[in-house]
Amino acid sequence: MSTHFSHLQASSHGRRSTFAHGRELLTQRKAAAPIPLRKSTPARSQVRMLTPSDVAALVRQRGLDAVLRELTNAIERDFCRWAEFDKTPRVAAHSDIGVIELMPTADATHYSFKYVNGHPSNALQDLPTVMAFGVLAEVATGLPVLLSELTLTTALRTAATSAMAARALARPESKVMAIIGNGAQSEFQAAAFAAVLGIQDFRLFDVDAAASHKLAAHLRRMGLKASICASTEIAVRGADIVTTVTADKTNATIISAEMLEPGMHINGVGGDCPGKTELAAGVLRAAQVFVEYEPQTRIEGDLQQMPADFQVTELWQVLKGQAPGRKSAEAITVFDSVGFAVEDFSALRYLNNAASASNLGQFIDLLPSNPDPKDLFSLVA
């Protein structure tokens, strides 16, 4: 299998201010008197590590609904300070069967990145379609403070981002949601919309009937109504909100313009890399379209089908009140969601704070620990 690499051009918005502030913090740190470490305090060379079991324990401890609401609010707060972040489209390595990506961002205090893949055929090898981990570090020193799994967390933050967008764009009286694509992400989407928007009635469709039965069983155990439908057309009929979250790396047409109804809000989640779409071009032409970071979405989202001058609005502008959201009750809105690094930044900071408060995870010796930091050679001499 041959692999080719597509390196997306980085932008440097806010980079000078970010690192100037970082140098200032470092100067302040050096000037401050050292604080003696307590025995329970990890060494500076140690990094907190969270495994999937740790994140699952945190969710059980705090409650799924609470975590999804807190994470939704954390992401929204960061979107409302959008100008403070360095922003770049993710750097991607594409192959015929999948993609591996790095997603970096930083503000004046913290830097983060996520490593993530997308390989739809992984299920045939008993592997997840999406696997991820990430790092949160100090800008002032470059010191990593958290190394965390992000496979489970990506599902949580993606669902929280969808709910955040729908809270701003969907009709407030929305009651029924269709979920097209009932794989590993689907339960999290439903749980977020139930926790954040109060949706209780879900209509489900997947070409794999077993996936729909799996999703329906989980939702019913959560006290939610779940109806398995025979087709996408039946599932979306009468739905206030439609989420598409399919996995195949193809230019698919999951939702066509003929399925649209006045007032519908669509979360297009599955179209997230070049050559992978879910919404017909006619859907986008009929709707107000909102995105996370426009340069990335034009390459990776359903927006890749449209001409360069097709008008979209970045969601942070709506959240800050700088641009209108839904223009009328009859308007059709689309959130062309591809996932952006600021969402992972928010999730990593949330995890770090929550894990610190709950004393979750373990500290590992990820960095060298020697008395003289200028004498690295002594470790091997």
Protein backbone atom coordinates (compact mmCIF):
# COMPACT_ATOMS: atom_id res chain seq x y z
CA MET A 1 0.00 0.00 0.00
CA SER A 2 1.46 3.35 -0.95
CA THR A 3 0.95 6.31 1.32
CA HIS A 4 1.14 9.94 0.36
CA PHE A 5 1.32 12.83 2.73
CA SER A 6 -0.81 15.96 2.58
CA HIS A 7 0.63 18.70 4.74
CA LEU A 8 -1.84 21.49 5.27
CA GLN A 9 -0.45 24.98 5.49
CA ALA A 10 -0.30 26.38 9.00
CA SER A 11 -1.42 29.84 9.94
CA SER A 12 0.19 31.78 12.75
CA HIS A 13 -2.72 33.77 14.19
CA GLY A 14 -1.76 35.05 17.60
CA ARG A 15 1.59 33.19 17.64
CA ARG A 16 3.76 36.19 18.52
CA SER A 17 1.51 37.28 21.37
CA THR A 18 1.27 33.69 22.60
CA PHE A 19 5.00 33.09 22.89
CA ALA A 20 5.84 36.61 24.07
CA HIS A 21 3.47 36.00 26.94
CA GLY A 22 5.08 32.60 27.46
CA ARG A 23 8.53 34.19 27.86
CA GLU A 24 7.07 36.65 30.35
CA LEU A 25 5.60 33.78 32.40
CA LEU A 26 8.96 32.00 32.32
CA THR A 27 10.76 35.10 33.59
CA GLN A 28 8.25 35.40 36.43
CA ARG A 29 8.69 31.72 37.25
CA LYS A 30 12.49 32.06 37.50
CA ALA A 31 12.19 35.13 39.70
CA ALA A 32 9.80 33.45 42.13
CA ALA A 33 11.18 31.72 45.21
CA PRO A 34 11.15 27.91 44.88
CA ILE A 35 8.35 26.13 46.74
CA PRO A 36 9.42 22.99 48.61
CA LEU A 37 7.75 19.86 47.25
CA ARG A 38 5.59 17.83 49.61
CA LYS A 39 6.10 14.09 49.56
CA SER A 40 2.74 13.67 47.83
CA THR A 41 3.68 16.11 45.09
CA PRO A 42 5.04 14.46 41.91
CA ALA A 43 8.45 15.48 40.67
CA ARG A 44 8.54 18.04 37.87
CA SER A 45 9.88 15.31 35.59
CA GLN A 46 6.72 13.24 36.12
CA VAL A 47 3.63 13.61 33.94
CA ARG A 48 0.06 12.68 34.82
CA MET A 49 -1.19 9.91 32.54
CA LEU A 50 -4.87 9.05 32.04
CA THR A 51 -5.85 5.71 30.52
CA PRO A 52 -9.28 4.89 29.06
CA SER A 53 -10.11 3.26 32.40
CA ASP A 54 -9.23 6.50 34.22
CA VAL A 55 -11.46 8.58 31.93
CA ALA A 56 -14.29 6.04 32.28
CA ALA A 57 -13.89 6.21 36.07
CA LEU A 58 -14.08 10.01 35.93
CA VAL A 59 -17.31 9.81 33.89
CA ARG A 60 -18.85 7.33 36.31
CA GLN A 61 -17.78 9.42 39.28
CA ARG A 62 -19.16 12.72 37.97
CA GLY A 63 -22.05 11.25 35.95
CA LEU A 64 -22.30 11.14 32.16
CA ASP A 65 -24.85 13.96 31.93
CA ALA A 66 -22.76 16.23 34.14
CA VAL A 67 -19.57 15.52 32.17
CA LEU A 68 -21.28 16.25 28.86
CA ARG A 69 -22.79 19.50 30.15
CA GLU A 70 -19.49 20.61 31.72
CA LEU A 71 -17.53 19.72 28.59
CA THR A 72 -20.04 21.52 26.34
CA ASN A 73 -19.70 24.65 28.43
CA ALA A 74 -15.90 24.38 28.54
CA ILE A 75 -15.68 24.14 24.73
CA GLU A 76 -18.08 27.07 24.33
CA ARG A 77 -15.98 29.23 26.67
CA ASP A 78 -12.90 28.52 24.58
CA PHE A 79 -14.75 29.20 21.32
CA CYS A 80 -15.74 32.57 22.76
CA ARG A 81 -12.03 33.47 23.07
CA TRP A 82 -11.23 32.19 19.58
CA ALA A 83 -8.79 35.00 18.77
CA GLU A 84 -6.48 33.92 21.62
CA PHE A 85 -5.59 30.59 19.96
CA ASP A 86 -2.94 29.67 17.42
CA LYS A 87 -4.94 27.97 14.68
CA THR A 88 -3.89 25.66 11.88
CA PRO A 89 -5.63 22.96 9.85
CA ARG A 90 -4.58 19.54 11.06
CA VAL A 91 -1.57 17.87 9.47
CA ALA A 92 -2.74 14.67 7.79
CA ALA A 93 -1.19 11.56 6.28
CA HIS A 94 -3.70 9.92 3.95
CA SER A 95 -3.74 6.40 2.58
CA ASP A 96 -6.26 4.50 0.48
CA ILE A 97 -7.91 3.05 3.60
CA GLY A 98 -7.59 5.73 6.24
CA VAL A 99 -5.91 8.80 7.65
CA ILE A 100 -3.57 9.66 10.54
CA GLU A 101 -3.63 13.25 11.78
CA LEU A 102 -2.00 15.64 14.23
CA MET A 103 -4.13 18.47 15.65
CA PRO A 104 -2.16 21.22 17.46
CA THR A 105 -3.20 24.51 19.05
CA ALA A 106 -2.10 26.85 21.84
CA ASP A 107 -3.12 29.87 23.83
CA ALA A 108 -0.80 32.01 25.97
CA THR A 109 -0.70 29.44 28.78
CA HIS A 110 -1.09 25.93 27.36
CA TYR A 111 -0.16 24.03 24.21
CA SER A 112 -1.93 20.84 23.18
CA PHE A 113 -1.96 18.34 20.38
CA LYS A 114 -3.95 15.24 19.50
CA TYR A 115 -2.80 12.23 17.50
CA VAL A 116 -5.83 10.59 15.87
CA ASN A 117 -6.58 8.14 13.07
CA GLY A 118 -9.63 7.22 11.04
CA HIS A 119 -9.66 3.73 9.51
CA PRO A 120 -13.20 2.48 8.73
CA SER A 121 -12.03 -1.09 8.04
CA ASN A 122 -10.44 -1.48 11.48
CA ALA A 123 -13.50 -3.29 12.81
CA LEU A 124 -12.48 -6.27 10.67
CA GLN A 125 -9.34 -6.48 12.83
CA ASP A 126 -11.19 -5.88 16.11
CA LEU A 127 -9.73 -2.37 16.32
CA PRO A 128 -11.61 0.92 16.82
CA THR A 129 -12.19 3.04 13.74
CA VAL A 130 -10.86 6.04 15.67
CA MET A 131 -7.95 5.87 18.14
CA ALA A 132 -6.36 8.89 19.78
CA PHE A 133 -4.14 10.26 22.50
CA GLY A 134 -3.07 13.78 23.39
CA VAL A 135 -0.72 16.00 25.39
CA LEU A 136 -1.26 19.20 27.34
CA ALA A 137 1.88 21.27 28.07
CA GLU A 138 2.92 24.60 29.56
CA VAL A 139 3.77 27.31 27.02
CA ALA A 140 6.16 28.98 29.49
CA THR A 141 8.45 25.96 29.83
CA GLY A 142 7.31 23.37 27.29
CA LEU A 143 6.79 20.98 30.21
CA PRO A 144 4.13 18.32 29.51
CA VAL A 145 1.58 18.22 32.33
CA LEU A 146 -0.85 15.62 30.96
CA LEU A 147 -0.63 12.61 28.66
CA SER A 148 -4.10 11.23 28.07
CA GLU A 149 -6.06 8.77 26.03
CA LEU A 150 -8.38 10.62 23.68
CA THR A 151 -10.31 7.80 22.02
CA LEU A 152 -13.10 7.83 24.59
CA THR A 153 -12.60 11.53 25.19
CA THR A 154 -12.92 12.34 21.47
CA ALA A 155 -16.33 10.70 21.46
CA LEU A 156 -17.32 12.85 24.46
CA ARG A 157 -15.95 16.11 23.05
CA THR A 158 -17.41 15.51 19.56
CA ALA A 159 -20.84 14.94 21.07
CA ALA A 160 -20.43 17.99 23.30
CA THR A 161 -19.46 20.13 20.29
CA SER A 162 -22.51 18.92 18.35
CA ALA A 163 -24.75 19.80 21.29
CA MET A 164 -23.09 23.21 21.65
CA ALA A 165 -23.76 23.98 17.98
CA ALA A 166 -27.35 22.77 18.14
CA ARG A 167 -28.00 24.80 21.28
CA ALA A 168 -27.06 27.89 19.25
CA LEU A 169 -28.62 26.91 15.89
CA ALA A 170 -31.54 24.48 16.31
CA ARG A 171 -35.07 25.59 17.12
CA PRO A 172 -35.47 25.85 20.92
CA GLU A 173 -38.62 23.68 20.81
CA SER A 174 -36.81 20.78 19.10
CA LYS A 175 -37.98 17.41 20.44
CA VAL A 176 -37.13 14.67 17.90
CA MET A 177 -33.67 13.71 16.65
CA ALA A 178 -32.62 11.30 13.92
CA ILE A 179 -29.21 9.60 14.11
CA ILE A 180 -27.94 8.19 10.82
CA GLY A 181 -24.94 5.95 11.48
CA ASN A 182 -25.22 4.00 14.71
CA GLY A 183 -21.62 3.07 15.42
CA ALA A 184 -19.31 3.89 18.34
CA GLN A 185 -20.03 7.64 18.36
CA SER A 186 -23.82 7.42 18.27
CA GLU A 187 -24.58 6.81 21.97
CA PHE A 188 -22.48 9.82 22.93
CA GLN A 189 -24.33 12.03 20.45
CA ALA A 190 -27.69 10.96 21.87
CA ALA A 191 -26.53 11.35 25.46
CA ALA A 192 -25.22 14.87 24.80
CA PHE A 193 -28.42 16.01 23.13
CA ALA A 194 -30.46 14.56 25.98
CA ALA A 195 -28.27 16.19 28.65
CA VAL A 196 -27.80 19.60 26.99
CA LEU A 197 -30.98 20.11 24.92
CA GLY A 198 -33.41 17.75 26.63
CA ILE A 199 -34.05 15.59 23.54
CA GLN A 200 -35.83 12.38 24.54
CA ASP A 201 -37.09 10.89 21.23
CA PHE A 202 -34.52 9.34 18.85
CA ARG A 203 -34.99 7.75 15.43
CA LEU A 204 -32.21 5.45 14.30
CA PHE A 205 -30.93 4.07 11.00
CA ASP A 206 -27.79 2.22 9.99
CA VAL A 207 -27.07 -0.12 7.09
CA ASP A 208 -25.89 -2.50 9.83
CA ALA A 209 -29.09 -3.42 11.68
CA ALA A 210 -27.10 -4.85 14.58
CA ALA A 211 -25.58 -1.42 15.23
CA SER A 212 -29.05 0.12 15.44
CA HIS A 213 -30.23 -2.54 17.89
CA LYS A 214 -27.09 -1.94 19.98
CA LEU A 215 -27.77 1.81 20.07
CA ALA A 216 -31.47 1.35 20.82
CA ALA A 217 -30.70 -0.94 23.77
CA HIS A 218 -28.29 1.59 25.27
CA LEU A 219 -30.73 4.48 24.84
CA ARG A 220 -33.63 2.59 26.38
CA ARG A 221 -31.48 1.74 29.40
CA MET A 222 -30.86 5.50 29.70
CA GLY A 223 -34.62 6.09 29.77
CA LEU A 224 -34.76 7.53 26.24
CA LYS A 225 -37.15 6.63 23.44
CA ALA A 226 -35.49 4.86 20.51
CA SER A 227 -37.18 3.82 17.26
CA ILE A 228 -35.28 1.80 14.66
CA CYS A 229 -36.23 2.88 11.14
CA ALA A 230 -36.03 1.04 7.83
CA SER A 231 -34.29 3.85 5.92
CA THR A 232 -32.71 7.25 6.23
CA GLU A 233 -35.77 8.82 4.60
CA ILE A 234 -38.09 7.38 7.25
CA ALA A 235 -35.75 8.30 10.12
CA VAL A 236 -35.43 11.98 9.18
CA ARG A 237 -39.12 12.50 8.37
CA GLY A 238 -40.46 14.91 10.97
CA ALA A 239 -37.14 15.15 12.84
CA ASP A 240 -36.16 18.53 14.27
CA ILE A 241 -32.46 17.62 14.41
CA VAL A 242 -30.55 15.17 12.21
CA THR A 243 -27.05 13.91 13.02
CA THR A 244 -25.09 12.00 10.38
CA VAL A 245 -22.14 10.11 11.83
CA THR A 246 -21.14 7.46 9.30
CA ALA A 247 -17.65 6.01 8.91
CA ASP A 248 -17.06 5.00 5.28
CA LYS A 249 -14.34 7.03 3.56
CA THR A 250 -16.41 7.79 0.48
CA ASN A 251 -18.18 10.71 -1.13
CA ALA A 252 -21.54 9.43 0.07
CA THR A 253 -24.94 11.10 -0.06
CA ILE A 254 -26.57 10.25 3.25
CA ILE A 255 -28.90 13.27 3.25
CA SER A 256 -30.30 14.71 0.01
CA ALA A 257 -32.15 17.96 -0.52
CA GLU A 258 -35.44 16.08 -0.98
CA MET A 259 -35.27 14.97 2.69
CA LEU A 260 -35.09 18.48 4.10
CA GLU A 261 -38.01 19.99 6.02
CA PRO A 262 -38.50 23.60 7.16
CA GLY A 263 -36.77 24.35 10.45
CA MET A 264 -34.50 21.28 10.40
CA HIS A 265 -31.03 21.44 11.93
CA ILE A 266 -28.36 19.04 10.59
CA ASN A 267 -25.12 18.03 12.28
CA GLY A 268 -22.86 16.60 9.60
CA VAL A 269 -20.26 14.81 11.73
CA GLY A 270 -18.97 11.94 9.59
CA GLY A 271 -17.61 13.92 6.63
CA ASP A 272 -14.22 14.78 8.11
CA CYS A 273 -11.45 14.23 5.55
CA PRO A 274 -10.83 14.78 1.83
CA GLY A 275 -12.92 12.42 -0.26
CA LYS A 276 -15.43 11.77 2.53
CA THR A 277 -18.83 13.49 2.56
CA GLU A 278 -22.36 12.79 3.81
CA LEU A 279 -24.51 15.71 2.66
CA ALA A 280 -25.50 16.35 -0.94
CA ALA A 281 -24.41 19.71 -2.33
CA GLY A 282 -28.09 20.64 -2.63
CA VAL A 283 -28.45 20.38 1.15
CA LEU A 284 -25.72 22.97 1.65
CA ARG A 285 -27.19 25.26 -0.99
CA ALA A 286 -30.58 25.14 0.77
CA ALA A 287 -29.18 25.91 4.23
CA GLN A 288 -27.32 28.38 6.39
CA VAL A 289 -23.98 26.63 6.85
CA PHE A 290 -21.80 26.95 9.95
CA VAL A 291 -18.29 25.55 10.46
CA GLU A 292 -15.54 25.39 13.08
CA TYR A 293 -12.43 26.66 11.24
CA GLU A 294 -13.19 27.52 7.63
CA PRO A 295 -9.75 26.77 6.08
CA GLN A 296 -9.89 23.22 7.46
CA THR A 297 -13.56 22.57 6.67
CA ARG A 298 -13.13 23.60 3.02
CA ILE A 299 -10.58 20.80 2.68
CA GLU A 300 -12.16 18.10 4.84
CA GLY A 301 -15.87 18.75 5.40
CA ASP A 302 -18.96 18.45 3.25
CA LEU A 303 -17.97 21.96 2.22
CA GLN A 304 -15.25 20.43 -0.01
CA GLN A 305 -17.97 19.97 -2.67
CA MET A 306 -18.72 23.68 -2.88
CA PRO A 307 -16.99 26.53 -4.74
CA ALA A 308 -14.46 28.64 -2.84
CA ASP A 309 -16.86 31.58 -2.61
CA PHE A 310 -19.70 29.57 -1.04
CA GLN A 311 -20.66 31.50 2.09
CA VAL A 312 -20.27 29.96 5.55
CA THR A 313 -20.08 31.32 9.11
CA GLU A 314 -17.59 30.20 11.73
CA LEU A 315 -19.51 29.07 14.81
CA TRP A 316 -17.50 31.13 17.30
CA GLN A 317 -18.90 34.28 15.69
CA VAL A 318 -22.45 33.17 16.52
CA LEU A 319 -21.51 32.18 20.08
CA LYS A 320 -19.93 35.62 20.65
CA GLY A 321 -22.87 37.45 19.08
CA GLN A 322 -20.78 38.73 16.19
CA ALA A 323 -22.82 36.97 13.49
CA PRO A 324 -26.45 35.82 13.27
CA GLY A 325 -27.37 32.20 13.78
CA ARG A 326 -30.70 30.78 12.66
CA LYS A 327 -32.54 33.53 10.75
CA SER A 328 -36.07 32.14 11.15
CA ALA A 329 -38.05 29.20 12.48
CA GLU A 330 -38.34 27.86 8.92
CA ALA A 331 -34.64 28.20 8.08
CA ILE A 332 -32.54 25.08 7.60
CA THR A 333 -29.22 25.13 9.42
CA VAL A 334 -26.20 22.87 8.90
CA PHE A 335 -23.21 22.48 11.21
CA ASP A 336 -20.50 21.00 8.97
CA SER A 337 -18.45 19.55 11.80
CA VAL A 338 -15.01 18.09 11.11
CA GLY A 339 -13.53 18.45 14.60
CA PHE A 340 -10.98 21.13 15.46
CA ALA A 341 -7.97 21.26 17.77
CA VAL A 342 -9.48 23.84 20.14
CA GLU A 343 -12.10 21.23 21.12
CA ASP A 344 -9.34 18.81 22.12
CA PHE A 345 -7.53 21.61 23.97
CA SER A 346 -10.72 22.21 25.95
CA ALA A 347 -11.14 18.49 26.64
CA LEU A 348 -7.52 18.06 27.80
CA ARG A 349 -7.76 21.02 30.18
CA TYR A 350 -11.08 19.68 31.48
CA LEU A 351 -9.55 16.25 32.05
CA ASN A 352 -6.49 17.69 33.76
CA ASN A 353 -8.55 19.77 36.17
CA ALA A 354 -11.06 17.01 36.89
CA ALA A 355 -8.37 14.34 37.34
CA SER A 356 -6.40 16.60 39.68
CA ALA A 357 -9.49 17.24 41.78
CA SER A 358 -10.32 13.53 41.94
CA ASN A 359 -6.72 12.25 42.19
CA LEU A 360 -7.17 10.07 39.10
CA GLY A 361 -4.46 8.66 36.87
CA GLN A 362 -0.84 7.92 37.60
CA PHE A 363 2.39 9.87 37.31
CA ILE A 364 4.98 8.45 34.95
CA ASP A 365 8.65 9.27 34.36
CA LEU A 366 8.27 10.58 30.84
CA LEU A 367 11.17 13.04 31.17
CA PRO A 368 14.79 12.67 32.33
CA SER A 369 15.39 13.38 36.00
CA ASN A 370 18.98 14.26 36.81
CA PRO A 371 20.51 16.82 39.18
CA ASP A 372 22.17 18.82 36.40
CA PRO A 373 19.76 19.42 33.47
CA LYS A 374 22.76 20.45 31.32
CA ASP A 375 24.40 17.06 31.84
CA LEU A 376 22.08 14.73 29.93
CA PHE A 377 24.98 12.47 29.02
CA SER A 378 25.36 11.37 32.66
CA LEU A 379 22.24 9.23 32.25
CA VAL A 380 24.08 6.91 29.86
CA ALA A 381 27.70 7.38 30.95
